[in-house]
Amino acid sequence: MKPEKPNLRTRIKFCGMTRVEDVRAAVALGVDAIGVVLTDKSKRYAGIERAREIRMALPPFVDLVALFMDDMPGFIAEAVAAVQPDLLQFHGDETAQDCVRYRVPYLRAVAMGGGVDPAEVVRAHPAAAGFVLDGHAAGEQGGSGKTFDWSAAIRGLIKPVVLAGGLTAHNVGDAIRALRPYAVDVSSGIESAPGIKDAAKLRAFVDAVRAADAA
């Protein structure tokens, strides 16, 4: 059964941002959210000071999302206080209690590549603002460039679904038409190197999302 087309447009999050110039280019294209990775295990690690610079470059109504993966609570609290993100995003083994302790709305990543029951993750996080369905397996980092079988996506969720995992300008239209997610989240699909975004790929991705919305 084909998903019902919603009245709202598909939101766009560009993730793994490390350069202010890339953030400004993304904002000019009309993206809704910018993601910065604050777990130092990632090759797209931004660090607190760079994340603060990115925060200052964002205009009103563009959200900053800070990503963590099994980081120490003290570090997360320090980062939240310094960066003032609009949303947190957790990719590790964080419990619901871990995620709510910072008093910032959060997204919970769901590893669709195996090793965990996606429905159980959703049930365990009733306070999550939404769920990021990503192509990596449990214990792996996001931004892997791995897609997953969209037909296996969790359906009927009350909370917003953010689709991630191997999205590019070439396949995001198909993904939107298949699932009609609340938002799409891209990192490796808009890069020339980890953390370095490609201006042409940024524009092509946004154009592809808008075309799918208009279809």
Protein backbone atom coordinates (compact mmCIF):
# COMPACT_ATOMS: atom_id res chain seq x y z
CA MET A 1 0.00 0.00 0.00
CA LYS A 2 1.39 3.37 -1.03
CA PRO A 3 1.93 5.75 1.90
CA GLU A 4 -0.53 8.63 2.06
CA LYS A 5 1.01 11.88 0.93
CA PRO A 6 1.06 14.34 3.82
CA ASN A 7 0.21 18.01 3.50
CA LEU A 8 3.51 19.07 5.02
CA ARG A 9 6.81 19.20 3.18
CA THR A 10 9.64 16.83 4.03
CA ARG A 11 12.04 18.43 6.48
CA ILE A 12 15.77 18.25 5.74
CA LYS A 13 18.66 17.80 8.17
CA PHE A 14 22.25 18.07 7.00
CA CYS A 15 24.45 16.22 9.47
CA GLY A 16 28.14 15.88 10.25
CA MET A 17 28.78 19.57 9.66
CA THR A 18 32.23 20.83 10.63
CA ARG A 19 32.67 24.05 8.62
CA VAL A 20 30.77 27.30 9.04
CA GLU A 21 30.87 27.95 5.30
CA ASP A 22 29.07 24.67 4.67
CA VAL A 23 26.47 25.59 7.26
CA ARG A 24 25.83 28.93 5.58
CA ALA A 25 25.44 27.22 2.22
CA ALA A 26 22.94 24.80 3.75
CA VAL A 27 20.95 27.61 5.34
CA ALA A 28 20.80 29.44 2.01
CA LEU A 29 19.24 26.31 0.50
CA GLY A 30 16.51 26.30 3.14
CA VAL A 31 17.41 23.25 5.23
CA ASP A 32 15.59 22.87 8.53
CA ALA A 33 18.30 21.49 10.80
CA ILE A 34 22.07 21.20 11.09
CA GLY A 35 23.72 18.30 12.87
CA VAL A 36 27.06 18.46 14.67
CA VAL A 37 28.77 15.32 15.93
CA LEU A 38 30.14 15.70 19.45
CA THR A 39 31.33 12.16 20.06
CA ASP A 40 35.07 12.03 19.46
CA LYS A 41 34.82 8.50 18.10
CA SER A 42 33.50 9.93 14.86
CA LYS A 43 35.52 11.02 11.83
CA ARG A 44 33.08 13.95 11.64
CA TYR A 45 33.77 15.10 15.20
CA ALA A 46 33.24 18.86 15.41
CA GLY A 47 34.21 19.60 19.02
CA ILE A 48 32.53 22.02 21.38
CA GLU A 49 34.21 25.20 20.15
CA ARG A 50 33.44 24.54 16.49
CA ALA A 51 29.89 23.57 17.41
CA ARG A 52 29.54 26.92 19.18
CA GLU A 53 30.69 28.71 16.03
CA ILE A 54 28.12 26.78 14.01
CA ARG A 55 25.44 27.62 16.56
CA MET A 56 26.21 31.32 16.16
CA ALA A 57 25.99 31.05 12.37
CA LEU A 58 22.42 29.73 12.43
CA PRO A 59 19.49 32.10 11.90
CA PRO A 60 16.15 31.74 13.69
CA PHE A 61 14.05 28.69 12.78
CA VAL A 62 17.02 26.52 11.79
CA ASP A 63 17.64 23.95 14.53
CA LEU A 64 20.99 22.73 15.78
CA VAL A 65 21.12 19.02 16.61
CA ALA A 66 24.01 17.67 18.73
CA LEU A 67 24.88 13.98 18.26
CA PHE A 68 26.29 11.73 20.96
CA MET A 69 27.12 8.05 21.20
CA ASP A 70 27.80 6.52 24.61
CA ASP A 71 29.58 9.65 25.82
CA MET A 72 30.12 10.42 29.48
CA PRO A 73 27.22 12.30 31.10
CA GLY A 74 29.55 15.01 32.35
CA PHE A 75 30.82 15.70 28.86
CA ILE A 76 27.31 15.79 27.41
CA ALA A 77 26.19 18.22 30.11
CA GLU A 78 29.20 20.43 29.39
CA ALA A 79 28.50 20.36 25.66
CA VAL A 80 24.82 21.14 26.12
CA ALA A 81 25.61 24.11 28.35
CA ALA A 82 28.22 25.48 25.95
CA VAL A 83 26.53 24.84 22.60
CA GLN A 84 22.84 25.24 23.52
CA PRO A 85 21.52 22.80 20.90
CA ASP A 86 17.82 22.68 20.08
CA LEU A 87 17.81 18.88 19.99
CA LEU A 88 20.04 16.03 21.09
CA GLN A 89 20.45 12.84 19.08
CA PHE A 90 21.63 9.60 20.68
CA HIS A 91 23.16 6.74 18.69
CA GLY A 92 24.52 4.42 21.39
CA ASP A 93 23.16 2.32 24.22
CA GLU A 94 21.71 5.29 26.09
CA THR A 95 18.58 4.48 28.07
CA ALA A 96 15.51 6.69 28.15
CA GLN A 97 16.63 7.94 31.56
CA ASP A 98 20.04 8.84 30.13
CA CYS A 99 18.46 10.79 27.28
CA VAL A 100 16.05 12.93 29.29
CA ARG A 101 18.45 13.99 32.02
CA TYR A 102 19.72 17.02 30.05
CA ARG A 103 16.25 18.57 29.74
CA VAL A 104 16.60 19.08 25.98
CA PRO A 105 14.27 17.38 23.47
CA TYR A 106 15.94 14.37 21.92
CA LEU A 107 15.87 12.12 18.88
CA ARG A 108 16.67 8.42 19.26
CA ALA A 109 18.55 6.70 16.48
CA VAL A 110 17.28 3.24 15.56
CA ALA A 111 19.82 0.87 14.00
CA MET A 112 18.00 -0.74 11.08
CA GLY A 113 21.05 -2.72 9.96
CA GLY A 114 20.65 -5.49 12.53
CA GLY A 115 21.56 -6.35 16.09
CA VAL A 116 18.56 -4.73 17.74
CA ASP A 117 14.77 -4.91 17.57
CA PRO A 118 13.71 -1.50 16.20
CA ALA A 119 10.25 -1.75 17.74
CA GLU A 120 11.79 -2.39 21.16
CA VAL A 121 13.93 0.74 20.86
CA VAL A 122 10.83 2.77 20.08
CA ARG A 123 8.92 1.30 23.02
CA ALA A 124 11.81 2.06 25.37
CA HIS A 125 11.81 5.78 24.49
CA PRO A 126 8.31 7.19 24.96
CA ALA A 127 9.72 10.66 25.65
CA ALA A 128 11.68 10.88 22.39
CA ALA A 129 10.72 13.76 20.10
CA GLY A 130 11.22 11.46 17.12
CA PHE A 131 13.16 8.49 15.79
CA VAL A 132 16.02 8.46 13.27
CA LEU A 133 15.91 5.25 11.24
CA ASP A 134 19.50 4.70 10.13
CA GLY A 135 21.13 2.01 8.03
CA HIS A 136 23.95 1.09 10.40
CA ALA A 137 23.92 -1.94 12.68
CA ALA A 138 23.70 -1.71 16.47
CA GLY A 139 26.96 -0.40 17.93
CA GLU A 140 28.03 1.29 14.71
CA GLN A 141 28.15 5.03 14.15
CA GLY A 142 25.82 7.00 11.92
CA GLY A 143 27.03 8.53 8.68
CA SER A 144 28.05 5.11 7.40
CA GLY A 145 26.46 5.55 3.98
CA LYS A 146 24.59 2.27 4.43
CA THR A 147 21.01 2.07 3.24
CA PHE A 148 18.42 -0.35 4.56
CA ASP A 149 15.30 -2.02 3.23
CA TRP A 150 12.76 0.78 3.41
CA SER A 151 9.92 -1.74 3.35
CA ALA A 152 11.16 -2.89 6.79
CA ALA A 153 10.77 0.58 8.28
CA ILE A 154 8.62 0.96 11.36
CA ARG A 155 5.23 2.25 10.29
CA GLY A 156 2.36 3.82 12.15
CA LEU A 157 4.52 5.69 14.64
CA ILE A 158 2.88 8.62 16.38
CA LYS A 159 6.25 10.34 16.76
CA PRO A 160 8.00 11.86 13.72
CA VAL A 161 10.17 9.51 11.66
CA VAL A 162 13.47 10.83 10.32
CA LEU A 163 14.85 8.67 7.52
CA ALA A 164 18.64 8.34 7.29
CA GLY A 165 21.17 5.86 5.99
CA GLY A 166 22.88 6.10 2.62
CA LEU A 167 20.65 8.82 1.23
CA THR A 168 21.84 10.78 -1.80
CA ALA A 169 20.28 13.05 -4.39
CA HIS A 170 19.81 9.93 -6.53
CA ASN A 171 17.74 7.87 -4.09
CA VAL A 172 16.11 10.30 -1.65
CA GLY A 173 13.13 10.84 -3.94
CA ASP A 174 12.41 7.11 -4.00
CA ALA A 175 12.79 6.98 -0.21
CA ILE A 176 10.33 9.81 0.30
CA ARG A 177 7.78 8.31 -2.05
CA ALA A 178 8.13 4.92 -0.33
CA LEU A 179 7.81 6.10 3.27
CA ARG A 180 6.69 9.73 3.34
CA PRO A 181 8.86 10.41 6.42
CA TYR A 182 8.62 13.56 8.47
CA ALA A 183 12.24 14.36 7.61
CA VAL A 184 15.32 13.06 5.83
CA ASP A 185 18.82 13.16 7.32
CA VAL A 186 21.98 13.07 5.19
CA SER A 187 25.70 13.21 5.89
CA SER A 188 27.95 11.11 3.65
CA GLY A 189 25.68 11.67 0.65
CA ILE A 190 26.55 15.38 0.50
CA GLU A 191 30.29 15.13 1.14
CA SER A 192 33.54 15.29 -0.79
CA ALA A 193 35.33 13.92 2.32
CA PRO A 194 34.18 13.14 5.89
CA GLY A 195 32.95 16.38 7.42
CA ILE A 196 33.61 18.36 4.23
CA LYS A 197 30.44 19.12 2.31
CA ASP A 198 30.15 19.55 -1.45
CA ALA A 199 28.12 22.58 -2.54
CA ALA A 200 26.77 20.91 -5.68
CA LYS A 201 25.69 17.84 -3.71
CA LEU A 202 23.97 20.02 -1.11
CA ARG A 203 21.89 21.72 -3.78
CA ALA A 204 21.15 18.51 -5.67
CA PHE A 205 19.89 16.83 -2.50
CA VAL A 206 17.55 19.69 -1.62
CA ASP A 207 16.27 19.84 -5.20
CA ALA A 208 15.55 16.09 -5.14
CA VAL A 209 13.59 16.36 -1.89
CA ARG A 210 11.53 19.26 -3.18
CA ALA A 211 10.81 17.41 -6.43
CA ALA A 212 9.59 14.37 -4.49
CA ASP A 213 7.35 16.57 -2.36
CA ALA A 214 5.85 18.15 -5.46
CA ALA A 215 5.19 14.84 -7.23
